[in-house]
PDB file of N, CA and C in Angstrom:
ATOM      1  N   UNK A   1       0.781  -0.975   0.094  1.00  0.00           N
ATOM      2  CA  UNK A   1       0.342  -0.035   0.395  1.00  0.00           C
ATOM      3  C   UNK A   1       0.761   1.295  -0.336  1.00  0.00           C
ATOM      4  N   UNK A   2       2.259   1.281   0.822  1.00  0.00           N
ATOM      5  CA  UNK A   2       2.826   2.221   0.734  1.00  0.00           C
ATOM      6  C   UNK A   2       3.372   2.650  -0.671  1.00  0.00           C
ATOM      7  N   UNK A   3       3.687   1.652  -1.324  1.00  0.00           N
ATOM      8  CA  UNK A   3       3.984   1.897  -2.929  1.00  0.00           C
ATOM      9  C   UNK A   3       3.236   2.483  -3.462  1.00  0.00           C
ATOM     10  N   UNK A   4       2.196   2.433  -3.411  1.00  0.00           N
ATOM     11  CA  UNK A   4       0.829   2.759  -4.310  1.00  0.00           C
ATOM     12  C   UNK A   4       0.741   4.257  -3.988  1.00  0.00           C
ATOM     13  N   UNK A   5       1.029   4.705  -2.525  1.00  0.00           N
ATOM     14  CA  UNK A   5       0.758   5.683  -2.042  1.00  0.00           C
ATOM     15  C   UNK A   5       1.716   6.772  -3.067  1.00  0.00           C
ATOM     16  N   UNK A   6       3.315   6.128  -2.731  1.00  0.00           N
ATOM     17  CA  UNK A   6       4.578   6.997  -2.968  1.00  0.00           C
ATOM     18  C   UNK A   6       4.222   6.813  -4.855  1.00  0.00           C
ATOM     19  N   UNK A   7       3.882   6.292  -5.562  1.00  0.00           N
ATOM     20  CA  UNK A   7       3.412   6.200  -6.711  1.00  0.00           C
ATOM     21  C   UNK A   7       2.336   6.994  -7.346  1.00  0.00           C
ATOM     22  N   UNK A   8       1.198   7.447  -6.418  1.00  0.00           N
ATOM     23  CA  UNK A   8       0.267   8.363  -6.540  1.00  0.00           C
ATOM     24  C   UNK A   8       0.587   9.741  -6.299  1.00  0.00           C
ATOM     25  N   UNK A   9       1.816   9.839  -5.244  1.00  0.00           N
ATOM     26  CA  UNK A   9       2.311  11.314  -5.263  1.00  0.00           C
ATOM     27  C   UNK A   9       3.099  11.500  -6.612  1.00  0.00           C
ATOM     28  N   UNK A  10       3.922  10.399  -6.674  1.00  0.00           N
ATOM     29  CA  UNK A  10       4.806  10.828  -8.283  1.00  0.00           C
ATOM     30  C   UNK A  10       3.840  11.102  -9.012  1.00  0.00           C
ATOM     31  N   UNK A  11       2.843  10.419  -9.585  1.00  0.00           N
ATOM     32  CA  UNK A  11       1.907  10.757 -10.429  1.00  0.00           C
ATOM     33  C   UNK A  11       1.390  12.427 -10.484  1.00  0.00           C
ATOM     34  N   UNK A  12       0.886  12.409  -8.967  1.00  0.00           N
ATOM     35  CA  UNK A  12       0.520  14.006  -8.954  1.00  0.00           C
ATOM     36  C   UNK A  12       1.467  14.907  -9.069  1.00  0.00           C
ATOM     37  N   UNK A  13       2.343  14.537  -8.528  1.00  0.00           N
ATOM     38  CA  UNK A  13       3.584  15.556  -8.929  1.00  0.00           C
ATOM     39  C   UNK A  13       3.858  15.891 -10.318  1.00  0.00           C
ATOM     40  N   UNK A  14       3.903  14.763 -11.089  1.00  0.00           N
ATOM     41  CA  UNK A  14       4.231  14.685 -12.859  1.00  0.00           C
ATOM     42  C   UNK A  14       2.769  15.717 -13.326  1.00  0.00           C
ATOM     43  N   UNK A  15       1.908  15.245 -12.977  1.00  0.00           N
ATOM     44  CA  UNK A  15       0.714  15.829 -13.748  1.00  0.00           C
ATOM     45  C   UNK A  15       0.595  17.688 -13.087  1.00  0.00           C
ATOM     46  N   UNK A  16       1.245  17.886 -12.169  1.00  0.00           N
ATOM     47  CA  UNK A  16       1.257  19.171 -11.880  1.00  0.00           C
ATOM     48  C   UNK A  16       2.343  19.702 -12.545  1.00  0.00           C
ATOM     49  N   UNK A  17       3.345  19.090 -12.837  1.00  0.00           N
ATOM     50  CA  UNK A  17       4.432  19.736 -13.657  1.00  0.00           C
ATOM     51  C   UNK A  17       3.995  19.741 -14.967  1.00  0.00           C
ATOM     52  N   UNK A  18       3.227  18.548 -15.780  1.00  0.00           N
ATOM     53  CA  UNK A  18       2.902  18.500 -16.540  1.00  0.00           C
ATOM     54  C   UNK A  18       1.705  20.020 -16.886  1.00  0.00           C
ATOM     55  N   UNK A  19       0.577  20.126 -16.153  1.00  0.00           N
ATOM     56  CA  UNK A  19       0.212  21.336 -16.028  1.00  0.00           C
ATOM     57  C   UNK A  19       0.671  22.447 -16.219  1.00  0.00           C
ATOM     58  N   UNK A  20       1.657  22.648 -15.513  1.00  0.00           N
ATOM     59  CA  UNK A  20       2.662  24.044 -15.305  1.00  0.00           C
ATOM     60  C   UNK A  20       3.302  24.292 -16.581  1.00  0.00           C
ATOM     61  N   UNK A  21       3.541  23.360 -16.917  1.00  0.00           N
ATOM     62  CA  UNK A  21       4.433  23.365 -18.342  1.00  0.00           C
ATOM     63  C   UNK A  21       3.425  23.740 -19.428  1.00  0.00           C
ATOM     64  N   UNK A  22       2.359  22.913 -19.429  1.00  0.00           N
ATOM     65  CA  UNK A  22       1.244  23.146 -20.549  1.00  0.00           C
ATOM     66  C   UNK A  22       0.683  24.897 -20.618  1.00  0.00           C
ATOM     67  N   UNK A  23       0.396  25.151 -19.189  1.00  0.00           N
ATOM     68  CA  UNK A  23       0.043  26.646 -19.126  1.00  0.00           C
ATOM     69  C   UNK A  23       1.508  27.488 -19.457  1.00  0.00           C
ATOM     70  N   UNK A  24       2.708  27.123 -19.373  1.00  0.00           N
ATOM     71  CA  UNK A  24       3.538  27.961 -19.547  1.00  0.00           C
ATOM     72  C   UNK A  24       3.879  28.345 -21.354  1.00  0.00           C
ATOM     73  N   UNK A  25       3.421  26.652 -21.919  1.00  0.00           N
ATOM     74  CA  UNK A  25       3.684  26.815 -23.243  1.00  0.00           C
ATOM     75  C   UNK A  25       2.442  27.725 -23.935  1.00  0.00           C
ATOM     76  N   UNK A  26       1.468  27.769 -23.276  1.00  0.00           N
ATOM     77  CA  UNK A  26       0.265  28.564 -24.068  1.00  0.00           C
ATOM     78  C   UNK A  26       0.411  29.717 -23.480  1.00  0.00           C
ATOM     79  N   UNK A  27       1.360  30.467 -22.384  1.00  0.00           N
ATOM     80  CA  UNK A  27       1.976  31.980 -22.344  1.00  0.00           C
ATOM     81  C   UNK A  27       2.609  32.325 -23.238  1.00  0.00           C
ATOM     82  N   UNK A  28       3.720  31.272 -23.821  1.00  0.00           N
ATOM     83  CA  UNK A  28       4.611  31.352 -24.601  1.00  0.00           C
ATOM     84  C   UNK A  28       4.069  31.545 -25.827  1.00  0.00           C
ATOM     85  N   UNK A  29       3.051  30.878 -26.292  1.00  0.00           N
ATOM     86  CA  UNK A  29       2.341  30.836 -27.859  1.00  0.00           C
ATOM     87  C   UNK A  29       1.763  32.044 -27.621  1.00  0.00           C
ATOM     88  N   UNK A  30       1.387  32.852 -26.706  1.00  0.00           N
ATOM     89  CA  UNK A  30       0.421  34.014 -26.543  1.00  0.00           C
ATOM     90  C   UNK A  30       1.257  35.131 -26.928  1.00  0.00           C
ATOM     91  N   UNK A  31       2.579  34.732 -26.076  1.00  0.00           N
ATOM     92  CA  UNK A  31       3.751  36.035 -26.679  1.00  0.00           C
ATOM     93  C   UNK A  31       4.180  36.206 -27.887  1.00  0.00           C
ATOM     94  N   UNK A  32       4.342  34.813 -28.649  1.00  0.00           N
ATOM     95  CA  UNK A  32       5.010  34.889 -29.698  1.00  0.00           C
ATOM     96  C   UNK A  32       3.846  35.289 -30.598  1.00  0.00           C
ATOM     97  N   UNK A  33       2.669  35.256 -30.968  1.00  0.00           N
ATOM     98  CA  UNK A  33       1.456  35.993 -31.282  1.00  0.00           C
ATOM     99  C   UNK A  33       1.737  37.406 -31.118  1.00  0.00           C
ATOM    100  N   UNK A  34       2.003  37.898 -30.113  1.00  0.00           N
ATOM    101  CA  UNK A  34       2.096  39.238 -29.459  1.00  0.00           C
ATOM    102  C   UNK A  34       3.447  39.695 -30.273  1.00  0.00           C
ATOM    103  N   UNK A  35       4.367  39.034 -30.569  1.00  0.00           N
ATOM    104  CA  UNK A  35       5.619  39.498 -31.007  1.00  0.00           C
ATOM    105  C   UNK A  35       5.677  39.201 -32.756  1.00  0.00           C
ATOM    106  N   UNK A  36       4.903  38.422 -33.142  1.00  0.00           N
ATOM    107  CA  UNK A  36       4.770  38.326 -34.401  1.00  0.00           C
ATOM    108  C   UNK A  36       3.971  39.732 -34.906  1.00  0.00           C
ATOM    109  N   UNK A  37       2.747  39.908 -34.271  1.00  0.00           N
ATOM    110  CA  UNK A  37       1.874  40.979 -34.259  1.00  0.00           C
ATOM    111  C   UNK A  37       2.676  42.458 -34.544  1.00  0.00           C
ATOM    112  N   UNK A  38       3.633  42.596 -33.523  1.00  0.00           N
ATOM    113  CA  UNK A  38       5.044  43.721 -32.933  1.00  0.00           C
ATOM    114  C   UNK A  38       5.321  43.818 -34.394  1.00  0.00           C
ATOM    115  N   UNK A  39       6.080  42.690 -34.837  1.00  0.00           N
ATOM    116  CA  UNK A  39       7.212  42.272 -36.087  1.00  0.00           C
ATOM    117  C   UNK A  39       6.613  42.913 -37.068  1.00  0.00           C
ATOM    118  N   UNK A  40       5.240  42.646 -37.600  1.00  0.00           N
ATOM    119  CA  UNK A  40       4.249  43.239 -38.611  1.00  0.00           C
ATOM    120  C   UNK A  40       4.066  44.533 -38.519  1.00  0.00           C
ATOM    121  N   UNK A  41       3.879  44.954 -37.730  1.00  0.00           N
ATOM    122  CA  UNK A  41       3.576  46.493 -37.207  1.00  0.00           C
ATOM    123  C   UNK A  41       4.820  47.158 -37.579  1.00  0.00           C
ATOM    124  N   UNK A  42       6.260  46.783 -37.078  1.00  0.00           N
ATOM    125  CA  UNK A  42       7.401  47.540 -37.394  1.00  0.00           C
ATOM    126  C   UNK A  42       7.851  47.494 -38.989  1.00  0.00           C
ATOM    127  N   UNK A  43       7.284  46.251 -39.689  1.00  0.00           N
ATOM    128  CA  UNK A  43       7.630  45.911 -40.956  1.00  0.00           C
ATOM    129  C   UNK A  43       6.422  47.235 -41.534  1.00  0.00           C
ATOM    130  N   UNK A  44       5.630  47.574 -41.314  1.00  0.00           N
ATOM    131  CA  UNK A  44       4.654  48.618 -41.923  1.00  0.00           C
ATOM    132  C   UNK A  44       5.455  49.389 -41.693  1.00  0.00           C
ATOM    133  N   UNK A  45       5.941  50.031 -40.527  1.00  0.00           N
ATOM    134  CA  UNK A  45       6.278  51.387 -39.950  1.00  0.00           C
ATOM    135  C   UNK A  45       7.678  51.599 -40.873  1.00  0.00           C
ATOM    136  N   UNK A  46       8.497  50.535 -41.318  1.00  0.00           N
ATOM    137  CA  UNK A  46       9.618  50.697 -41.966  1.00  0.00           C
ATOM    138  C   UNK A  46       9.256  51.038 -43.359  1.00  0.00           C
ATOM    139  N   UNK A  47       8.151  50.506 -43.674  1.00  0.00           N
ATOM    140  CA  UNK A  47       7.492  50.630 -45.266  1.00  0.00           C
ATOM    141  C   UNK A  47       7.341  52.232 -45.372  1.00  0.00           C
ATOM    142  N   UNK A  48       6.392  52.751 -44.460  1.00  0.00           N
ATOM    143  CA  UNK A  48       6.035  54.160 -44.516  1.00  0.00           C
ATOM    144  C   UNK A  48       7.264  54.802 -44.284  1.00  0.00           C
ATOM    145  N   UNK A  49       8.298  54.675 -43.624  1.00  0.00           N
ATOM    146  CA  UNK A  49       9.401  55.293 -43.173  1.00  0.00           C
ATOM    147  C   UNK A  49      10.331  55.569 -44.577  1.00  0.00           C
ATOM    148  N   UNK A  50      10.327  54.291 -45.329  1.00  0.00           N
ATOM    149  CA  UNK A  50      11.235  54.238 -46.693  1.00  0.00           C
ATOM    150  C   UNK A  50      10.484  55.028 -47.576  1.00  0.00           C
ATOM    151  N   UNK A  51       8.841  55.163 -47.696  1.00  0.00           N
ATOM    152  CA  UNK A  51       8.086  55.826 -48.533  1.00  0.00           C
ATOM    153  C   UNK A  51       8.805  57.467 -48.240  1.00  0.00           C
ATOM    154  N   UNK A  52       8.457  57.863 -46.783  1.00  0.00           N
ATOM    155  CA  UNK A  52       8.548  59.086 -46.452  1.00  0.00           C
ATOM    156  C   UNK A  52      10.060  59.706 -47.357  1.00  0.00           C
ATOM    157  N   UNK A  53      11.267  58.902 -46.807  1.00  0.00           N
ATOM    158  CA  UNK A  53      12.314  58.745 -47.580  1.00  0.00           C
ATOM    159  C   UNK A  53      12.300  59.694 -48.792  1.00  0.00           C
ATOM    160  N   UNK A  54      11.730  58.583 -49.317  1.00  0.00           N
ATOM    161  CA  UNK A  54      11.758  58.464 -51.049  1.00  0.00           C
ATOM    162  C   UNK A  54      11.243  59.765 -51.351  1.00  0.00           C
ATOM    163  N   UNK A  55       9.620  60.384 -50.714  1.00  0.00           N
ATOM    164  CA  UNK A  55       9.429  61.527 -50.877  1.00  0.00           C
ATOM    165  C   UNK A  55       9.913  62.655 -50.525  1.00  0.00           C
ATOM    166  N   UNK A  56      10.804  62.602 -49.467  1.00  0.00           N
ATOM    167  CA  UNK A  56      11.716  63.764 -49.055  1.00  0.00           C
ATOM    168  C   UNK A  56      12.794  63.861 -50.314  1.00  0.00           C
ATOM    169  N   UNK A  57      13.488  62.739 -50.705  1.00  0.00           N
ATOM    170  CA  UNK A  57      14.184  62.715 -51.866  1.00  0.00           C
ATOM    171  C   UNK A  57      13.897  63.482 -52.932  1.00  0.00           C
ATOM    172  N   UNK A  58      12.662  63.102 -53.407  1.00  0.00           N
ATOM    173  CA  UNK A  58      12.322  63.561 -54.399  1.00  0.00           C
ATOM    174  C   UNK A  58      11.701  65.306 -54.228  1.00  0.00           C
ATOM    175  N   UNK A  59      11.501  65.733 -53.515  1.00  0.00           N
ATOM    176  CA  UNK A  59      11.504  67.065 -53.060  1.00  0.00           C
ATOM    177  C   UNK A  59      12.555  67.585 -53.189  1.00  0.00           C
ATOM    178  N   UNK A  60      13.600  67.321 -52.670  1.00  0.00           N
ATOM    179  CA  UNK A  60      15.016  67.732 -52.624  1.00  0.00           C
ATOM    180  C   UNK A  60      15.552  67.724 -53.742  1.00  0.00           C
ATOM    181  N   UNK A  61      15.241  66.757 -54.983  1.00  0.00           N
ATOM    182  CA  UNK A  61      15.511  66.733 -56.320  1.00  0.00           C
ATOM    183  C   UNK A  61      14.837  67.680 -56.999  1.00  0.00           C
ATOM    184  N   UNK A  62      13.770  68.072 -56.969  1.00  0.00           N
ATOM    185  CA  UNK A  62      12.827  68.760 -57.204  1.00  0.00           C
ATOM    186  C   UNK A  62      13.211  70.317 -57.128  1.00  0.00           C
ATOM    187  N   UNK A  63      13.714  70.488 -55.691  1.00  0.00           N
ATOM    188  CA  UNK A  63      14.369  72.197 -55.154  1.00  0.00           C
ATOM    189  C   UNK A  63      15.565  72.240 -55.948  1.00  0.00           C
ATOM    190  N   UNK A  64      16.479  71.062 -56.148  1.00  0.00           N
ATOM    191  CA  UNK A  64      17.546  71.561 -56.823  1.00  0.00           C
ATOM    192  C   UNK A  64      17.506  71.749 -58.388  1.00  0.00           C
ATOM    193  N   UNK A  65      16.506  71.058 -58.745  1.00  0.00           N
ATOM    194  CA  UNK A  65      16.187  71.559 -60.525  1.00  0.00           C
ATOM    195  C   UNK A  65      15.819  72.947 -60.417  1.00  0.00           C
ATOM    196  N   UNK A  66      14.771  73.083 -59.514  1.00  0.00           N
ATOM    197  CA  UNK A  66      14.073  74.600 -59.520  1.00  0.00           C
ATOM    198  C   UNK A  66      15.524  75.280 -59.400  1.00  0.00           C
ATOM    199  N   UNK A  67      16.517  75.162 -58.353  1.00  0.00           N
ATOM    200  CA  UNK A  67      17.774  76.381 -58.304  1.00  0.00           C
ATOM    201  C   UNK A  67      18.469  76.361 -59.509  1.00  0.00           C
ATOM    202  N   UNK A  68      18.901  75.289 -59.783  1.00  0.00           N
ATOM    203  CA  UNK A  68      19.448  75.263 -61.237  1.00  0.00           C
ATOM    204  C   UNK A  68      18.980  75.810 -62.522  1.00  0.00           C
ATOM    205  N   UNK A  69      17.486  75.744 -62.384  1.00  0.00           N
ATOM    206  CA  UNK A  69      16.895  76.138 -63.499  1.00  0.00           C
ATOM    207  C   UNK A  69      16.625  78.167 -63.480  1.00  0.00           C
ATOM    208  N   UNK A  70      16.462  78.541 -62.176  1.00  0.00           N
ATOM    209  CA  UNK A  70      16.525  79.912 -61.761  1.00  0.00           C
ATOM    210  C   UNK A  70      18.320  80.315 -62.099  1.00  0.00           C
ATOM    211  N   UNK A  71      19.193  79.888 -61.899  1.00  0.00           N
ATOM    212  CA  UNK A  71      20.641  79.956 -62.360  1.00  0.00           C
ATOM    213  C   UNK A  71      20.917  80.333 -63.516  1.00  0.00           C
ATOM    214  N   UNK A  72      20.150  79.481 -64.455  1.00  0.00           N
ATOM    215  CA  UNK A  72      20.181  79.531 -65.698  1.00  0.00           C
ATOM    216  C   UNK A  72      19.499  80.814 -66.282  1.00  0.00           C
TER     217      UNK A  72
END
C-alpha cells in the first residue's frame, strides 16, 4: 500500500508539472503571437519610413532642379 501511495504522489507531482508546463507553453504561444503582430507593425512602419524618405528625396531633387533653372 505504501508503494501505491508513493506512486500516486509521483503521478500527482508529474501531473502538476505537466499542467504547469502546458500553461507556460500557452503563455509562450501568446507572447509569440504578440511578437508576430509587433514584427508586422514594425515592417509597416519601415515601409512608411522608406516611402517618406523617398518622397523627401524627390522633393530635394525638385528643389535642386528649380534652383538650377533659376540660375540659368
